[in-house]
Structures are given as structure tokens and as C-alpha cells.
Amino acid sequence: MRMLFLLALALTIVGCAQRRPQDMTNTDIAKFKDGYLNGCSNSVVKRGATPARASALCGCILNQLDSSLSHSDWQVAALETPQEFHERVNAHWGPCLTPQG
């Protein structure tokens, strides 16, 4: 899962190469988030989850990030290496793995 996620994220980041965080617009950040959701969901499905479960998990992670990151943080995150962003994600996905009930 990690390798597929990193590949999807790398492809998203290529379009943002050679930019400064302050140059990242709301549209750029939205595209980055969409790229993350697609890459994450595809990776989770390839590991055997249903598309609905993958979408729920990846959406939860993105919601956790949204609740923790400011606009400036997102501008920086959109330019991070895949490994750096993966580490950021790892710090926020714990609540998404907790069984609901």
C-alpha cells in the first residue's frame, strides 16, 4: 500500500515542482487533496478493501488533516516529498482506524 500511495503522491507533486509554498493557490491545494484521496483509495482497494471502505478511510484521514492543518500548512504539505507527506499522514490516521460503534 505504501509504495502505491507514494507513487500516486509523487505524480501529484510533479505538477507542483519548483514552487514555493506561498505560490500554492486554493486550487492547487484542492488538486493535491484530490490526488491524495485517489491514490490512497486505490492503494487501500488493492490491499483488499471495498471501494466504500477505502473511500471512508481515506476521507477520514483527509478530514483529520483538515482539522489539524492551517491553510499555510497545506501550502507546505502540497510541496513535500511523498515520504514527508506520508509521515504527516501517519501522525493523523489513528482515529480513523478505531472501530466505530
N, C-alpha and C. Protein backbone atom coordinates (compact mmCIF):
# COMPACT_ATOMS: atom_id res chain seq x y z
N MET A 1 0.83 -1.18 0.00
CA MET A 1 0.00 0.00 0.00
C MET A 1 0.87 1.25 0.00
N ARG A 2 1.89 1.22 0.80
CA ARG A 2 2.74 2.41 0.93
C ARG A 2 3.37 2.79 -0.39
N MET A 3 3.86 1.81 -1.14
CA MET A 3 4.53 2.10 -2.40
C MET A 3 3.55 2.72 -3.40
N LEU A 4 2.36 2.16 -3.50
CA LEU A 4 1.37 2.72 -4.43
C LEU A 4 0.97 4.12 -4.01
N PHE A 5 0.80 4.31 -2.72
CA PHE A 5 0.45 5.63 -2.20
C PHE A 5 1.54 6.64 -2.55
N LEU A 6 2.80 6.26 -2.33
CA LEU A 6 3.90 7.16 -2.61
C LEU A 6 4.00 7.47 -4.10
N LEU A 7 3.73 6.49 -4.94
CA LEU A 7 3.76 6.72 -6.38
C LEU A 7 2.67 7.71 -6.78
N ALA A 8 1.46 7.51 -6.28
CA ALA A 8 0.36 8.43 -6.61
C ALA A 8 0.68 9.84 -6.12
N LEU A 9 1.23 9.92 -4.94
CA LEU A 9 1.57 11.22 -4.38
C LEU A 9 2.69 11.88 -5.18
N ALA A 10 3.66 11.09 -5.60
CA ALA A 10 4.75 11.64 -6.39
C ALA A 10 4.25 12.23 -7.70
N LEU A 11 3.32 11.55 -8.34
CA LEU A 11 2.76 12.07 -9.58
C LEU A 11 2.00 13.37 -9.35
N THR A 12 1.34 13.48 -8.22
CA THR A 12 0.63 14.71 -7.88
C THR A 12 1.62 15.84 -7.64
N ILE A 13 2.70 15.53 -6.98
CA ILE A 13 3.68 16.55 -6.61
C ILE A 13 4.45 17.06 -7.83
N VAL A 14 4.62 16.22 -8.84
CA VAL A 14 5.39 16.63 -10.02
C VAL A 14 4.82 17.92 -10.60
N GLY A 15 3.51 18.06 -10.60
CA GLY A 15 2.89 19.26 -11.12
C GLY A 15 3.15 20.48 -10.26
N CYS A 16 3.61 20.28 -9.04
CA CYS A 16 3.87 21.38 -8.11
C CYS A 16 5.36 21.68 -7.98
N ALA A 17 6.19 21.00 -8.75
CA ALA A 17 7.64 21.13 -8.60
C ALA A 17 8.11 22.56 -8.82
N GLN A 18 9.16 22.90 -8.12
CA GLN A 18 9.83 24.20 -8.25
C GLN A 18 8.95 25.37 -7.85
N ARG A 19 8.04 25.15 -6.93
CA ARG A 19 7.18 26.23 -6.46
C ARG A 19 7.45 26.46 -4.99
N ARG A 20 7.10 27.64 -4.55
CA ARG A 20 7.23 27.99 -3.14
C ARG A 20 5.87 27.80 -2.48
N PRO A 21 5.85 27.50 -1.17
CA PRO A 21 4.56 27.30 -0.50
C PRO A 21 3.60 28.46 -0.71
N GLN A 22 4.08 29.67 -0.64
CA GLN A 22 3.18 30.82 -0.77
C GLN A 22 2.61 30.95 -2.18
N ASP A 23 3.17 30.24 -3.14
CA ASP A 23 2.65 30.24 -4.51
C ASP A 23 1.48 29.27 -4.68
N MET A 24 1.28 28.39 -3.72
CA MET A 24 0.23 27.38 -3.83
C MET A 24 -1.13 28.02 -3.59
N THR A 25 -2.00 27.91 -4.59
CA THR A 25 -3.33 28.51 -4.50
C THR A 25 -4.32 27.51 -3.90
N ASN A 26 -5.52 27.98 -3.63
CA ASN A 26 -6.57 27.07 -3.15
C ASN A 26 -6.84 25.97 -4.17
N THR A 27 -6.77 26.30 -5.44
CA THR A 27 -6.97 25.31 -6.49
C THR A 27 -5.86 24.26 -6.46
N ASP A 28 -4.63 24.70 -6.28
CA ASP A 28 -3.50 23.76 -6.18
C ASP A 28 -3.70 22.81 -5.00
N ILE A 29 -4.10 23.36 -3.87
CA ILE A 29 -4.30 22.55 -2.67
C ILE A 29 -5.45 21.57 -2.89
N ALA A 30 -6.52 22.01 -3.52
CA ALA A 30 -7.66 21.12 -3.81
C ALA A 30 -7.22 19.97 -4.73
N LYS A 31 -6.42 20.27 -5.73
CA LYS A 31 -5.91 19.23 -6.63
C LYS A 31 -5.02 18.26 -5.88
N PHE A 32 -4.21 18.77 -4.98
CA PHE A 32 -3.34 17.92 -4.18
C PHE A 32 -4.18 16.98 -3.31
N LYS A 33 -5.22 17.53 -2.66
CA LYS A 33 -6.09 16.70 -1.82
C LYS A 33 -6.80 15.64 -2.65
N ASP A 34 -7.29 16.02 -3.83
CA ASP A 34 -7.93 15.05 -4.72
C ASP A 34 -6.96 13.94 -5.11
N GLY A 35 -5.73 14.33 -5.43
CA GLY A 35 -4.71 13.35 -5.77
C GLY A 35 -4.43 12.40 -4.61
N TYR A 36 -4.39 12.97 -3.40
CA TYR A 36 -4.19 12.13 -2.22
C TYR A 36 -5.35 11.14 -2.08
N LEU A 37 -6.60 11.64 -2.16
CA LEU A 37 -7.75 10.76 -2.00
C LEU A 37 -7.76 9.64 -3.03
N ASN A 38 -7.49 9.97 -4.27
CA ASN A 38 -7.47 8.94 -5.31
C ASN A 38 -6.36 7.92 -5.08
N GLY A 39 -5.17 8.40 -4.80
CA GLY A 39 -4.05 7.49 -4.56
C GLY A 39 -4.26 6.62 -3.33
N CYS A 40 -4.73 7.23 -2.27
CA CYS A 40 -5.00 6.49 -1.04
C CYS A 40 -6.07 5.42 -1.28
N SER A 41 -7.18 5.82 -1.88
CA SER A 41 -8.29 4.88 -2.11
C SER A 41 -7.85 3.72 -3.00
N ASN A 42 -7.13 4.03 -4.07
CA ASN A 42 -6.65 2.96 -4.97
C ASN A 42 -5.73 2.00 -4.23
N SER A 43 -4.86 2.53 -3.39
CA SER A 43 -3.94 1.68 -2.63
C SER A 43 -4.68 0.78 -1.65
N VAL A 44 -5.67 1.32 -0.98
CA VAL A 44 -6.42 0.54 0.01
C VAL A 44 -7.25 -0.54 -0.69
N VAL A 45 -7.85 -0.21 -1.83
CA VAL A 45 -8.63 -1.21 -2.58
C VAL A 45 -7.71 -2.33 -3.05
N LYS A 46 -6.52 -2.00 -3.52
CA LYS A 46 -5.58 -3.02 -3.99
C LYS A 46 -5.12 -3.94 -2.87
N ARG A 47 -5.28 -3.49 -1.63
CA ARG A 47 -4.93 -4.33 -0.49
C ARG A 47 -6.12 -5.15 -0.02
N GLY A 48 -7.25 -5.04 -0.72
CA GLY A 48 -8.38 -5.92 -0.44
C GLY A 48 -9.61 -5.26 0.17
N ALA A 49 -9.57 -3.99 0.43
CA ALA A 49 -10.74 -3.31 0.99
C ALA A 49 -11.77 -3.04 -0.11
N THR A 50 -13.00 -2.89 0.30
CA THR A 50 -14.03 -2.49 -0.66
C THR A 50 -13.81 -1.02 -1.02
N PRO A 51 -14.28 -0.61 -2.18
CA PRO A 51 -14.16 0.81 -2.53
C PRO A 51 -14.81 1.73 -1.49
N ALA A 52 -15.94 1.30 -0.93
CA ALA A 52 -16.61 2.13 0.08
C ALA A 52 -15.76 2.27 1.33
N ARG A 53 -15.15 1.17 1.77
CA ARG A 53 -14.30 1.22 2.96
C ARG A 53 -13.06 2.05 2.70
N ALA A 54 -12.47 1.90 1.52
CA ALA A 54 -11.29 2.68 1.17
C ALA A 54 -11.63 4.17 1.14
N SER A 55 -12.75 4.51 0.54
CA SER A 55 -13.17 5.91 0.48
C SER A 55 -13.41 6.47 1.87
N ALA A 56 -14.04 5.68 2.73
CA ALA A 56 -14.31 6.13 4.10
C ALA A 56 -13.01 6.34 4.87
N LEU A 57 -12.09 5.40 4.77
CA LEU A 57 -10.81 5.51 5.48
C LEU A 57 -10.02 6.72 5.00
N CYS A 58 -9.87 6.84 3.69
CA CYS A 58 -9.07 7.94 3.14
C CYS A 58 -9.74 9.29 3.38
N GLY A 59 -11.06 9.32 3.31
CA GLY A 59 -11.79 10.54 3.62
C GLY A 59 -11.62 10.94 5.08
N CYS A 60 -11.63 9.96 5.96
CA CYS A 60 -11.41 10.22 7.39
C CYS A 60 -10.02 10.80 7.61
N ILE A 61 -9.03 10.22 6.97
CA ILE A 61 -7.66 10.73 7.13
C ILE A 61 -7.58 12.17 6.64
N LEU A 62 -8.18 12.44 5.50
CA LEU A 62 -8.15 13.81 4.97
C LEU A 62 -8.88 14.77 5.91
N ASN A 63 -10.00 14.32 6.49
CA ASN A 63 -10.72 15.16 7.47
C ASN A 63 -9.86 15.43 8.70
N GLN A 64 -9.12 14.42 9.15
CA GLN A 64 -8.22 14.61 10.29
C GLN A 64 -7.14 15.64 9.95
N LEU A 65 -6.60 15.54 8.76
CA LEU A 65 -5.59 16.51 8.33
C LEU A 65 -6.20 17.91 8.23
N ASP A 66 -7.40 18.00 7.65
CA ASP A 66 -8.05 19.31 7.51
C ASP A 66 -8.31 19.96 8.87
N SER A 67 -8.63 19.16 9.86
CA SER A 67 -8.91 19.73 11.17
C SER A 67 -7.64 20.15 11.91
N SER A 68 -6.49 19.66 11.44
CA SER A 68 -5.23 19.95 12.11
C SER A 68 -4.34 20.94 11.37
N LEU A 69 -4.49 21.04 10.07
CA LEU A 69 -3.59 21.87 9.27
C LEU A 69 -4.25 23.19 8.90
N SER A 70 -3.48 24.25 9.00
CA SER A 70 -3.93 25.56 8.55
C SER A 70 -3.72 25.63 7.03
N HIS A 71 -4.22 26.70 6.45
CA HIS A 71 -4.01 26.91 5.01
C HIS A 71 -2.51 26.95 4.70
N SER A 72 -1.75 27.64 5.52
CA SER A 72 -0.29 27.70 5.32
C SER A 72 0.34 26.32 5.42
N ASP A 73 -0.14 25.50 6.36
CA ASP A 73 0.38 24.13 6.49
C ASP A 73 0.09 23.33 5.22
N TRP A 74 -1.11 23.50 4.66
CA TRP A 74 -1.46 22.79 3.43
C TRP A 74 -0.59 23.26 2.27
N GLN A 75 -0.25 24.55 2.25
CA GLN A 75 0.62 25.05 1.19
C GLN A 75 1.98 24.35 1.26
N VAL A 76 2.48 24.15 2.46
CA VAL A 76 3.76 23.45 2.64
C VAL A 76 3.59 21.97 2.31
N ALA A 77 2.53 21.35 2.82
CA ALA A 77 2.30 19.92 2.62
C ALA A 77 2.21 19.56 1.14
N ALA A 78 1.59 20.44 0.36
CA ALA A 78 1.42 20.16 -1.07
C ALA A 78 2.75 20.12 -1.81
N LEU A 79 3.80 20.64 -1.20
CA LEU A 79 5.12 20.64 -1.83
C LEU A 79 6.10 19.66 -1.19
N GLU A 80 5.64 18.94 -0.18
CA GLU A 80 6.52 17.99 0.49
C GLU A 80 6.83 16.80 -0.40
N THR A 81 7.91 16.13 -0.10
CA THR A 81 8.20 14.87 -0.79
C THR A 81 7.15 13.86 -0.38
N PRO A 82 6.95 12.82 -1.16
CA PRO A 82 5.99 11.79 -0.75
C PRO A 82 6.29 11.23 0.64
N GLN A 83 7.55 11.02 0.95
CA GLN A 83 7.91 10.48 2.27
C GLN A 83 7.53 11.45 3.38
N GLU A 84 7.80 12.73 3.18
CA GLU A 84 7.43 13.73 4.20
C GLU A 84 5.92 13.77 4.41
N PHE A 85 5.17 13.74 3.32
CA PHE A 85 3.72 13.79 3.46
C PHE A 85 3.21 12.50 4.11
N HIS A 86 3.81 11.38 3.76
CA HIS A 86 3.41 10.10 4.38
C HIS A 86 3.61 10.15 5.89
N GLU A 87 4.70 10.75 6.33
CA GLU A 87 4.94 10.90 7.77
C GLU A 87 3.89 11.81 8.40
N ARG A 88 3.49 12.86 7.70
CA ARG A 88 2.43 13.74 8.20
C ARG A 88 1.12 12.97 8.33
N VAL A 89 0.80 12.16 7.31
CA VAL A 89 -0.42 11.35 7.33
C VAL A 89 -0.38 10.37 8.50
N ASN A 90 0.76 9.73 8.71
CA ASN A 90 0.88 8.75 9.80
C ASN A 90 0.55 9.36 11.16
N ALA A 91 0.81 10.64 11.31
CA ALA A 91 0.54 11.31 12.59
C ALA A 91 -0.95 11.59 12.78
N HIS A 92 -1.77 11.40 11.75
CA HIS A 92 -3.18 11.79 11.84
C HIS A 92 -4.19 10.67 11.58
N TRP A 93 -3.77 9.49 11.21
CA TRP A 93 -4.76 8.50 10.81
C TRP A 93 -5.21 7.57 11.93
N GLY A 94 -4.62 7.67 13.11
CA GLY A 94 -5.02 6.81 14.22
C GLY A 94 -6.51 6.77 14.50
N PRO A 95 -7.19 7.92 14.64
CA PRO A 95 -8.63 7.88 14.91
C PRO A 95 -9.43 7.21 13.81
N CYS A 96 -8.92 7.17 12.63
CA CYS A 96 -9.64 6.55 11.50
C CYS A 96 -9.58 5.03 11.55
N LEU A 97 -8.69 4.49 12.34
CA LEU A 97 -8.55 3.04 12.46
C LEU A 97 -9.30 2.50 13.66
N THR A 98 -9.84 3.39 14.48
CA THR A 98 -10.58 2.98 15.67
C THR A 98 -11.96 2.52 15.25
N PRO A 99 -12.37 1.30 15.64
CA PRO A 99 -13.71 0.82 15.27
C PRO A 99 -14.79 1.77 15.80
N GLN A 100 -15.74 2.06 14.94
CA GLN A 100 -16.86 2.91 15.32
C GLN A 100 -17.97 2.02 15.86
N GLY A 101 -18.65 2.48 16.88
CA GLY A 101 -19.73 1.65 17.37
C GLY A 101 -20.10 2.07 18.71
